[in-house]
C-alpha atoms as a PDB file:
ATOM      1  CA  MET A   1     213.162  42.526  69.277  1.00  0.00           C
ATOM      2  CA  ALA A   2     215.967  41.898  71.742  1.00  0.00           C
ATOM      3  CA  ALA A   3     213.792  43.047  74.792  1.00  0.00           C
ATOM      4  CA  VAL A   4     211.038  40.630  73.677  1.00  0.00           C
ATOM      5  CA  ALA A   5     213.384  37.777  73.234  1.00  0.00           C
ATOM      6  CA  GLY A   6     214.870  38.238  76.516  1.00  0.00           C
ATOM      7  CA  ALA A   7     211.616  38.639  78.326  1.00  0.00           C
ATOM      8  CA  THR A   8     210.064  35.108  77.878  1.00  0.00           C
ATOM      9  CA  GLN A   9     211.084  31.630  77.124  1.00  0.00           C
ATOM     10  CA  SER A  10     207.636  30.229  76.742  1.00  0.00           C
ATOM     11  CA  ILE A  11     205.626  32.546  74.843  1.00  0.00           C
ATOM     12  CA  PRO A  12     205.914  32.105  70.997  1.00  0.00           C
ATOM     13  CA  VAL A  13     207.611  35.075  69.324  1.00  0.00           C
ATOM     14  CA  VAL A  14     207.434  35.543  65.534  1.00  0.00           C
ATOM     15  CA  PHE A  15     209.609  38.150  63.932  1.00  0.00           C
ATOM     16  CA  VAL A  16     209.170  39.811  60.562  1.00  0.00           C
ATOM     17  CA  ALA A  17     211.774  41.596  58.395  1.00  0.00           C
ATOM     18  CA  VAL A  18     214.808  41.154  60.721  1.00  0.00           C
ATOM     19  CA  SER A  19     217.753  41.678  58.571  1.00  0.00           C
ATOM     20  CA  ASP A  20     220.002  38.972  60.362  1.00  0.00           C
ATOM     21  CA  PRO A  21     218.422  36.976  63.146  1.00  0.00           C
ATOM     22  CA  VAL A  22     221.307  34.476  63.391  1.00  0.00           C
ATOM     23  CA  GLY A  23     223.934  37.345  63.645  1.00  0.00           C
ATOM     24  CA  GLN A  24     221.858  39.218  65.973  1.00  0.00           C
ATOM     25  CA  GLY A  25     221.680  36.156  68.244  1.00  0.00           C
ATOM     26  CA  PHE A  26     217.825  35.530  68.024  1.00  0.00           C
ATOM     27  CA  VAL A  27     218.086  32.019  66.586  1.00  0.00           C
ATOM     28  CA  HIS A  28     221.052  29.635  66.090  1.00  0.00           C
ATOM     29  CA  SER A  29     220.088  28.563  62.509  1.00  0.00           C
ATOM     30  CA  LEU A  30     217.715  29.779  59.688  1.00  0.00           C
ATOM     31  CA  ALA A  31     216.834  26.099  59.040  1.00  0.00           C
ATOM     32  CA  GLN A  32     215.949  25.141  62.519  1.00  0.00           C
ATOM     33  CA  PRO A  33     215.255  28.075  64.806  1.00  0.00           C
ATOM     34  CA  ASP A  34     215.287  26.829  68.317  1.00  0.00           C
ATOM     35  CA  GLY A  35     213.299  27.851  71.373  1.00  0.00           C
ATOM     36  CA  ASN A  36     210.317  29.954  71.124  1.00  0.00           C
ATOM     37  CA  ILE A  37     211.492  32.446  68.103  1.00  0.00           C
ATOM     38  CA  THR A  38     211.020  32.026  64.639  1.00  0.00           C
ATOM     39  CA  GLY A  39     210.002  34.441  61.704  1.00  0.00           C
ATOM     40  CA  PHE A  40     210.925  35.898  58.279  1.00  0.00           C
ATOM     41  CA  THR A  41     214.163  37.658  57.375  1.00  0.00           C
ATOM     42  CA  LEU A  42     214.504  40.638  54.847  1.00  0.00           C
ATOM     43  CA  PHE A  43     216.601  38.534  52.399  1.00  0.00           C
ATOM     44  CA  GLU A  44     217.914  35.081  52.153  1.00  0.00           C
ATOM     45  CA  TRP A  45     220.822  34.666  49.876  1.00  0.00           C
ATOM     46  CA  ALA A  46     219.668  31.329  48.682  1.00  0.00           C
ATOM     47  CA  SER A  47     216.523  32.879  47.059  1.00  0.00           C
ATOM     48  CA  ALA A  48     218.531  35.236  45.077  1.00  0.00           C
ATOM     49  CA  GLY A  49     218.455  33.151  41.799  1.00  0.00           C
ATOM     50  CA  LYS A  50     214.745  32.988  42.109  1.00  0.00           C
ATOM     51  CA  LEU A  51     214.437  36.565  42.532  1.00  0.00           C
ATOM     52  CA  LEU A  52     216.615  37.184  39.374  1.00  0.00           C
ATOM     53  CA  GLU A  53     214.316  34.893  37.378  1.00  0.00           C
ATOM     54  CA  VAL A  54     211.295  36.889  38.405  1.00  0.00           C
ATOM     55  CA  LEU A  55     212.976  40.166  37.503  1.00  0.00           C
ATOM     56  CA  LYS A  56     213.798  38.842  34.120  1.00  0.00           C
ATOM     57  CA  GLU A  57     210.038  37.862  33.573  1.00  0.00           C
ATOM     58  CA  VAL A  58     208.748  41.183  34.860  1.00  0.00           C
ATOM     59  CA  ALA A  59     211.460  43.387  33.016  1.00  0.00           C
ATOM     60  CA  PRO A  60     213.390  41.884  30.409  1.00  0.00           C
ATOM     61  CA  VAL A  61     216.919  42.966  31.386  1.00  0.00           C
ATOM     62  CA  GLU A  62     220.348  41.818  30.361  1.00  0.00           C
ATOM     63  CA  ARG A  63     222.499  42.892  33.325  1.00  0.00           C
ATOM     64  CA  VAL A  64     221.922  43.196  36.931  1.00  0.00           C
ATOM     65  CA  GLY A  65     224.074  44.783  39.595  1.00  0.00           C
ATOM     66  CA  VAL A  66     224.235  44.127  43.359  1.00  0.00           C
ATOM     67  CA  LEU A  67     225.592  46.591  45.702  1.00  0.00           C
ATOM     68  CA  TYR A  68     226.240  45.823  49.307  1.00  0.00           C
ATOM     69  CA  HIS A  69     228.449  46.773  52.367  1.00  0.00           C
ATOM     70  CA  PRO A  70     230.545  43.850  53.364  1.00  0.00           C
ATOM     71  CA  GLU A  71     230.669  44.773  57.088  1.00  0.00           C
ATOM     72  CA  THR A  72     226.783  44.639  57.433  1.00  0.00           C
ATOM     73  CA  THR A  73     225.828  41.242  58.695  1.00  0.00           C
ATOM     74  CA  SER A  74     222.757  41.071  56.601  1.00  0.00           C
ATOM     75  CA  ALA A  75     224.838  41.527  53.454  1.00  0.00           C
ATOM     76  CA  ALA A  76     227.301  38.727  54.061  1.00  0.00           C
ATOM     77  CA  PRO A  77     226.326  35.538  52.123  1.00  0.00           C
ATOM     78  CA  LEU A  78     225.760  32.677  54.298  1.00  0.00           C
END
């Protein structure tokens, strides 16, 4: 991704499944990516509540645990 992003400023670049595009310096903001780069992240913390709702509909669970490594940029809540 970094090679493509650095190679052009005019050709549109769409990324898929980049863990942390802001932390990796591809875009300045998820809400308003600038320049010619845009795409989809692996996980957006703002959607966590909706994912839990879907989980409860699919599999009636009472407890859910979340494991993450705090030094991983994609694991840090924004």
